[in-house]
Amino acid sequence: MAYDVIEVLEMFDNFDTQMQKAVDSYKHQLANIRAGRANPRLLDSILVNYYGTPTPINQIGTISVPEARMIVISVWDVSALKAVEKAIIDSPLGITPNNDGKVIRLVFPELTQERRVALVKEIKTGCENAKVQLRNARRDANDATKKLKKDNVITEDDVKNIEKDIDKELAGYVAKVDAICKEKEAEILSV
């Protein structure tokens, strides 16, 4: 290898980081999709106005899943029950909380077939967006490679080899995204 290894490794590291961020972002997006099952992660984005401070629900109480389609929130400070209930009602979750004065129960209804199809469509759209992010990362890496060639750090043969490696890496990440997509689709379509 006649080129500066450090610059190429830095470029690959940046490329790999961008790819991993795209995959992680897609996973986070899927975690927020309600699949008819109770998942405590659905509450991660809901903030409760707790004594004037926006606070995540998991810092105000305990979240448990006693049944497949129910989440129970046991708030440590009973005076915060109303605030938690209001935050859940105001959230895009679409679930009405049941407050019995001690705990809040969230019961998730069964998904209808048309809602399942809509969720699968949403998942596929997210999958395509993740793939676009991956391809953009490849483009950035290829541009960085061409810049190294222009600066006479690497040769034309090195550029071709590096681009092959970049494409191989991209294919691996695209396969990861596809697998995540198929897994979530199967989860949603299972009755």
C-alpha atoms as a PDB file:
ATOM      1  CA  MET A   1       0.000   0.000   0.000  1.00  0.00           C
ATOM      2  CA  ALA A   2       1.557   3.188  -1.185  1.00  0.00           C
ATOM      3  CA  TYR A   3      -1.027   5.584   0.228  1.00  0.00           C
ATOM      4  CA  ASP A   4      -1.460   7.269   3.577  1.00  0.00           C
ATOM      5  CA  VAL A   5      -3.200   4.582   5.619  1.00  0.00           C
ATOM      6  CA  ILE A   6      -4.282   6.945   8.394  1.00  0.00           C
ATOM      7  CA  GLU A   7      -6.304   9.222   6.087  1.00  0.00           C
ATOM      8  CA  VAL A   8      -8.028   6.261   4.461  1.00  0.00           C
ATOM      9  CA  LEU A   9      -8.791   4.669   7.840  1.00  0.00           C
ATOM     10  CA  GLU A  10     -10.246   7.968   9.083  1.00  0.00           C
ATOM     11  CA  MET A  11     -12.439   8.141   5.980  1.00  0.00           C
ATOM     12  CA  PHE A  12     -13.619   4.539   6.551  1.00  0.00           C
ATOM     13  CA  ASP A  13     -14.261   5.284  10.216  1.00  0.00           C
ATOM     14  CA  ASN A  14     -16.421   8.305   9.313  1.00  0.00           C
ATOM     15  CA  PHE A  15     -18.238   6.211   6.716  1.00  0.00           C
ATOM     16  CA  ASP A  16     -18.886   3.399   9.193  1.00  0.00           C
ATOM     17  CA  THR A  17     -20.116   5.870  11.834  1.00  0.00           C
ATOM     18  CA  GLN A  18     -22.565   7.452   9.370  1.00  0.00           C
ATOM     19  CA  MET A  19     -23.854   4.021   8.367  1.00  0.00           C
ATOM     20  CA  GLN A  20     -24.325   2.902  11.976  1.00  0.00           C
ATOM     21  CA  LYS A  21     -26.167   6.147  12.805  1.00  0.00           C
ATOM     22  CA  ALA A  22     -28.581   5.515   9.927  1.00  0.00           C
ATOM     23  CA  VAL A  23     -29.296   1.963  11.163  1.00  0.00           C
ATOM     24  CA  ASP A  24     -29.683   3.115  14.783  1.00  0.00           C
ATOM     25  CA  SER A  25     -32.024   5.909  13.722  1.00  0.00           C
ATOM     26  CA  TYR A  26     -34.202   3.403  11.848  1.00  0.00           C
ATOM     27  CA  LYS A  27     -34.265   1.057  14.854  1.00  0.00           C
ATOM     28  CA  HIS A  28     -35.321   3.955  17.085  1.00  0.00           C
ATOM     29  CA  GLN A  29     -38.067   4.888  14.630  1.00  0.00           C
ATOM     30  CA  LEU A  30     -39.363   1.294  14.643  1.00  0.00           C
ATOM     31  CA  ALA A  31     -39.337   1.124  18.431  1.00  0.00           C
ATOM     32  CA  ASN A  32     -41.906   3.917  18.464  1.00  0.00           C
ATOM     33  CA  ILE A  33     -44.329   2.060  16.196  1.00  0.00           C
ATOM     34  CA  ARG A  34     -47.152   0.498  18.154  1.00  0.00           C
ATOM     35  CA  ALA A  35     -47.584  -3.107  17.014  1.00  0.00           C
ATOM     36  CA  GLY A  36     -50.567  -4.115  19.157  1.00  0.00           C
ATOM     37  CA  ARG A  37     -48.234  -5.271  21.902  1.00  0.00           C
ATOM     38  CA  ALA A  38     -47.348  -3.314  24.974  1.00  0.00           C
ATOM     39  CA  ASN A  39     -43.806  -1.999  24.721  1.00  0.00           C
ATOM     40  CA  PRO A  40     -42.464   0.297  27.471  1.00  0.00           C
ATOM     41  CA  ARG A  41     -40.241   2.056  24.884  1.00  0.00           C
ATOM     42  CA  LEU A  42     -43.391   3.681  23.487  1.00  0.00           C
ATOM     43  CA  LEU A  43     -43.363   5.928  26.559  1.00  0.00           C
ATOM     44  CA  ASP A  44     -39.740   7.059  26.121  1.00  0.00           C
ATOM     45  CA  SER A  45     -40.636  10.170  24.139  1.00  0.00           C
ATOM     46  CA  ILE A  46     -43.425  11.301  26.491  1.00  0.00           C
ATOM     47  CA  LEU A  47     -42.400  14.027  28.927  1.00  0.00           C
ATOM     48  CA  VAL A  48     -44.458  14.835  32.031  1.00  0.00           C
ATOM     49  CA  ASN A  49     -44.643  18.343  33.455  1.00  0.00           C
ATOM     50  CA  TYR A  50     -43.432  17.353  36.932  1.00  0.00           C
ATOM     51  CA  TYR A  51     -43.185  20.408  39.192  1.00  0.00           C
ATOM     52  CA  GLY A  52     -42.555  22.612  36.163  1.00  0.00           C
ATOM     53  CA  THR A  53     -39.836  20.390  34.685  1.00  0.00           C
ATOM     54  CA  PRO A  54     -40.365  18.157  31.628  1.00  0.00           C
ATOM     55  CA  THR A  55     -39.459  14.705  32.958  1.00  0.00           C
ATOM     56  CA  PRO A  56     -39.529  11.268  31.255  1.00  0.00           C
ATOM     57  CA  ILE A  57     -42.148   8.898  32.684  1.00  0.00           C
ATOM     58  CA  ASN A  58     -39.528   6.283  33.600  1.00  0.00           C
ATOM     59  CA  GLN A  59     -37.946   8.824  35.999  1.00  0.00           C
ATOM     60  CA  ILE A  60     -41.233   9.439  37.804  1.00  0.00           C
ATOM     61  CA  GLY A  61     -42.312   5.844  38.360  1.00  0.00           C
ATOM     62  CA  THR A  62     -42.024   2.198  37.442  1.00  0.00           C
ATOM     63  CA  ILE A  63     -43.216   0.920  34.072  1.00  0.00           C
ATOM     64  CA  SER A  64     -44.226  -2.742  33.854  1.00  0.00           C
ATOM     65  CA  VAL A  65     -45.922  -5.007  31.315  1.00  0.00           C
ATOM     66  CA  PRO A  66     -48.136  -7.484  33.233  1.00  0.00           C
ATOM     67  CA  GLU A  67     -49.925  -8.670  30.059  1.00  0.00           C
ATOM     68  CA  ALA A  68     -49.071  -8.695  26.369  1.00  0.00           C
ATOM     69  CA  ARG A  69     -51.329  -5.727  25.624  1.00  0.00           C
ATOM     70  CA  MET A  70     -51.107  -3.705  28.855  1.00  0.00           C
ATOM     71  CA  ILE A  71     -48.614  -1.306  30.411  1.00  0.00           C
ATOM     72  CA  VAL A  72     -48.901  -0.366  34.072  1.00  0.00           C
ATOM     73  CA  ILE A  73     -47.258   2.813  35.345  1.00  0.00           C
ATOM     74  CA  SER A  74     -46.762   2.978  39.135  1.00  0.00           C
ATOM     75  CA  VAL A  75     -45.904   6.581  39.965  1.00  0.00           C
ATOM     76  CA  TRP A  76     -43.759   7.093  43.076  1.00  0.00           C
ATOM     77  CA  ASP A  77     -45.365  10.464  43.869  1.00  0.00           C
ATOM     78  CA  VAL A  78     -49.149   9.932  43.743  1.00  0.00           C
ATOM     79  CA  SER A  79     -49.672  13.671  43.240  1.00  0.00           C
ATOM     80  CA  ALA A  80     -48.052  13.281  39.798  1.00  0.00           C
ATOM     81  CA  LEU A  81     -50.691  10.806  38.538  1.00  0.00           C
ATOM     82  CA  LYS A  82     -52.794  13.529  36.912  1.00  0.00           C
ATOM     83  CA  ALA A  83     -49.738  15.043  35.207  1.00  0.00           C
ATOM     84  CA  VAL A  84     -48.694  11.629  33.822  1.00  0.00           C
ATOM     85  CA  GLU A  85     -52.244  10.959  32.640  1.00  0.00           C
ATOM     86  CA  LYS A  86     -52.412  14.371  30.921  1.00  0.00           C
ATOM     87  CA  ALA A  87     -49.030  13.816  29.222  1.00  0.00           C
ATOM     88  CA  ILE A  88     -50.192  10.455  27.850  1.00  0.00           C
ATOM     89  CA  ILE A  89     -53.482  11.931  26.607  1.00  0.00           C
ATOM     90  CA  ASP A  90     -51.633  14.825  24.915  1.00  0.00           C
ATOM     91  CA  SER A  91     -49.068  12.483  23.293  1.00  0.00           C
ATOM     92  CA  PRO A  92     -49.447  11.026  19.772  1.00  0.00           C
ATOM     93  CA  LEU A  93     -49.722   7.540  21.329  1.00  0.00           C
ATOM     94  CA  GLY A  94     -53.487   7.404  20.776  1.00  0.00           C
ATOM     95  CA  ILE A  95     -54.223   5.446  23.970  1.00  0.00           C
ATOM     96  CA  THR A  96     -56.557   6.605  26.722  1.00  0.00           C
ATOM     97  CA  PRO A  97     -55.032   5.908  30.145  1.00  0.00           C
ATOM     98  CA  ASN A  98     -57.067   4.320  32.963  1.00  0.00           C
ATOM     99  CA  ASN A  99     -56.238   6.022  36.271  1.00  0.00           C
ATOM    100  CA  ASP A 100     -57.446   4.219  39.412  1.00  0.00           C
ATOM    101  CA  GLY A 101     -55.798   6.631  41.865  1.00  0.00           C
ATOM    102  CA  LYS A 102     -52.757   4.394  42.466  1.00  0.00           C
ATOM    103  CA  VAL A 103     -51.539   3.288  39.038  1.00  0.00           C
ATOM    104  CA  ILE A 104     -52.170   4.147  35.389  1.00  0.00           C
ATOM    105  CA  ARG A 105     -53.041   1.339  32.999  1.00  0.00           C
ATOM    106  CA  LEU A 106     -52.622   1.583  29.246  1.00  0.00           C
ATOM    107  CA  VAL A 107     -54.555  -1.105  27.375  1.00  0.00           C
ATOM    108  CA  PHE A 108     -53.537  -1.559  23.757  1.00  0.00           C
ATOM    109  CA  PRO A 109     -56.351  -2.708  21.452  1.00  0.00           C
ATOM    110  CA  GLU A 110     -55.846  -5.386  18.794  1.00  0.00           C
ATOM    111  CA  LEU A 111     -54.753  -3.943  15.470  1.00  0.00           C
ATOM    112  CA  THR A 112     -57.233  -4.054  12.597  1.00  0.00           C
ATOM    113  CA  GLN A 113     -56.051  -5.470   9.281  1.00  0.00           C
ATOM    114  CA  GLU A 114     -56.159  -2.051   7.625  1.00  0.00           C
ATOM    115  CA  ARG A 115     -54.072  -0.539  10.460  1.00  0.00           C
ATOM    116  CA  ARG A 116     -51.558  -3.382  10.079  1.00  0.00           C
ATOM    117  CA  VAL A 117     -51.249  -2.633   6.344  1.00  0.00           C
ATOM    118  CA  ALA A 118     -50.774   1.086   7.092  1.00  0.00           C
ATOM    119  CA  LEU A 119     -48.046   0.285   9.654  1.00  0.00           C
ATOM    120  CA  VAL A 120     -46.254  -2.007   7.191  1.00  0.00           C
ATOM    121  CA  LYS A 121     -46.350   0.805   4.629  1.00  0.00           C
ATOM    122  CA  GLU A 122     -44.878   3.185   7.237  1.00  0.00           C
ATOM    123  CA  ILE A 123     -42.152   0.641   8.034  1.00  0.00           C
ATOM    124  CA  LYS A 124     -41.236   0.248   4.357  1.00  0.00           C
ATOM    125  CA  THR A 125     -41.066   4.035   3.938  1.00  0.00           C
ATOM    126  CA  GLY A 126     -38.718   4.237   6.917  1.00  0.00           C
ATOM    127  CA  CYS A 127     -36.660   1.399   5.435  1.00  0.00           C
ATOM    128  CA  GLU A 128     -36.262   3.285   2.152  1.00  0.00           C
ATOM    129  CA  ASN A 129     -35.307   6.466   4.024  1.00  0.00           C
ATOM    130  CA  ALA A 130     -32.649   4.532   5.953  1.00  0.00           C
ATOM    131  CA  LYS A 131     -31.289   3.138   2.679  1.00  0.00           C
ATOM    132  CA  VAL A 132     -31.126   6.677   1.251  1.00  0.00           C
ATOM    133  CA  GLN A 133     -29.095   7.732   4.305  1.00  0.00           C
ATOM    134  CA  LEU A 134     -26.779   4.768   3.720  1.00  0.00           C
ATOM    135  CA  ARG A 135     -26.327   5.656   0.053  1.00  0.00           C
ATOM    136  CA  ASN A 136     -25.618   9.274   1.017  1.00  0.00           C
ATOM    137  CA  ALA A 137     -22.912   8.038   3.382  1.00  0.00           C
ATOM    138  CA  ARG A 138     -21.435   6.008   0.504  1.00  0.00           C
ATOM    139  CA  ARG A 139     -21.479   9.081  -1.724  1.00  0.00           C
ATOM    140  CA  ASP A 140     -19.660  11.099   0.965  1.00  0.00           C
ATOM    141  CA  ALA A 141     -17.055   8.339   1.361  1.00  0.00           C
ATOM    142  CA  ASN A 142     -16.552   8.099  -2.417  1.00  0.00           C
ATOM    143  CA  ASP A 143     -16.158  11.897  -2.605  1.00  0.00           C
ATOM    144  CA  ALA A 144     -13.568  11.750   0.184  1.00  0.00           C
ATOM    145  CA  THR A 145     -11.761   8.985  -1.711  1.00  0.00           C
ATOM    146  CA  LYS A 146     -11.714  11.067  -4.902  1.00  0.00           C
ATOM    147  CA  LYS A 147     -10.386  14.026  -2.918  1.00  0.00           C
ATOM    148  CA  LEU A 148      -7.549  11.851  -1.611  1.00  0.00           C
ATOM    149  CA  LYS A 149      -6.802  10.874  -5.233  1.00  0.00           C
ATOM    150  CA  LYS A 150      -6.891  14.522  -6.321  1.00  0.00           C
ATOM    151  CA  ASP A 151      -4.459  15.401  -3.520  1.00  0.00           C
ATOM    152  CA  ASN A 152      -2.167  12.587  -4.772  1.00  0.00           C
ATOM    153  CA  VAL A 153      -2.450  10.689  -1.492  1.00  0.00           C
ATOM    154  CA  ILE A 154      -3.709   7.532  -3.234  1.00  0.00           C
ATOM    155  CA  THR A 155      -3.521   6.084  -6.764  1.00  0.00           C
ATOM    156  CA  GLU A 156      -6.318   5.316  -9.232  1.00  0.00           C
ATOM    157  CA  ASP A 157      -6.055   1.592  -8.424  1.00  0.00           C
ATOM    158  CA  ASP A 158      -6.372   2.406  -4.732  1.00  0.00           C
ATOM    159  CA  VAL A 159      -9.520   4.427  -5.492  1.00  0.00           C
ATOM    160  CA  LYS A 160     -11.097   1.435  -7.261  1.00  0.00           C
ATOM    161  CA  ASN A 161     -10.190  -0.932  -4.399  1.00  0.00           C
ATOM    162  CA  ILE A 162     -11.455   1.473  -1.754  1.00  0.00           C
ATOM    163  CA  GLU A 163     -14.723   2.031  -3.652  1.00  0.00           C
ATOM    164  CA  LYS A 164     -15.199  -1.756  -3.848  1.00  0.00           C
ATOM    165  CA  ASP A 165     -14.681  -1.978  -0.078  1.00  0.00           C
ATOM    166  CA  ILE A 166     -17.143   0.876   0.456  1.00  0.00           C
ATOM    167  CA  ASP A 167     -19.757  -0.872  -1.714  1.00  0.00           C
ATOM    168  CA  LYS A 168     -19.197  -4.145   0.154  1.00  0.00           C
ATOM    169  CA  GLU A 169     -19.697  -2.327   3.482  1.00  0.00           C
ATOM    170  CA  LEU A 170     -22.826  -0.622   2.129  1.00  0.00           C
ATOM    171  CA  ALA A 171     -24.283  -3.969   1.038  1.00  0.00           C
ATOM    172  CA  GLY A 172     -23.809  -5.316   4.570  1.00  0.00           C
ATOM    173  CA  TYR A 173     -25.622  -2.351   6.131  1.00  0.00           C
ATOM    174  CA  VAL A 174     -28.442  -2.501   3.557  1.00  0.00           C
ATOM    175  CA  ALA A 175     -28.885  -6.196   4.400  1.00  0.00           C
ATOM    176  CA  LYS A 176     -29.061  -5.244   8.115  1.00  0.00           C
ATOM    177  CA  VAL A 177     -31.769  -2.650   7.429  1.00  0.00           C
ATOM    178  CA  ASP A 178     -33.718  -5.128   5.275  1.00  0.00           C
ATOM    179  CA  ALA A 179     -33.546  -7.763   8.016  1.00  0.00           C
ATOM    180  CA  ILE A 180     -34.761  -5.275  10.641  1.00  0.00           C
ATOM    181  CA  CYS A 181     -37.588  -4.230   8.298  1.00  0.00           C
ATOM    182  CA  LYS A 182     -38.695  -7.818   7.596  1.00  0.00           C
ATOM    183  CA  GLU A 183     -38.598  -8.681  11.318  1.00  0.00           C
ATOM    184  CA  LYS A 184     -40.828  -5.714  12.240  1.00  0.00           C
ATOM    185  CA  GLU A 185     -43.176  -6.478   9.315  1.00  0.00           C
ATOM    186  CA  ALA A 186     -43.572 -10.074  10.529  1.00  0.00           C
ATOM    187  CA  GLU A 187     -44.249  -8.816  14.066  1.00  0.00           C
ATOM    188  CA  ILE A 188     -46.981  -6.468  12.843  1.00  0.00           C
ATOM    189  CA  LEU A 189     -48.622  -8.921  10.466  1.00  0.00           C
ATOM    190  CA  SER A 190     -48.711 -11.776  13.016  1.00  0.00           C
ATOM    191  CA  VAL A 191     -52.183 -11.984  14.522  1.00  0.00           C
END
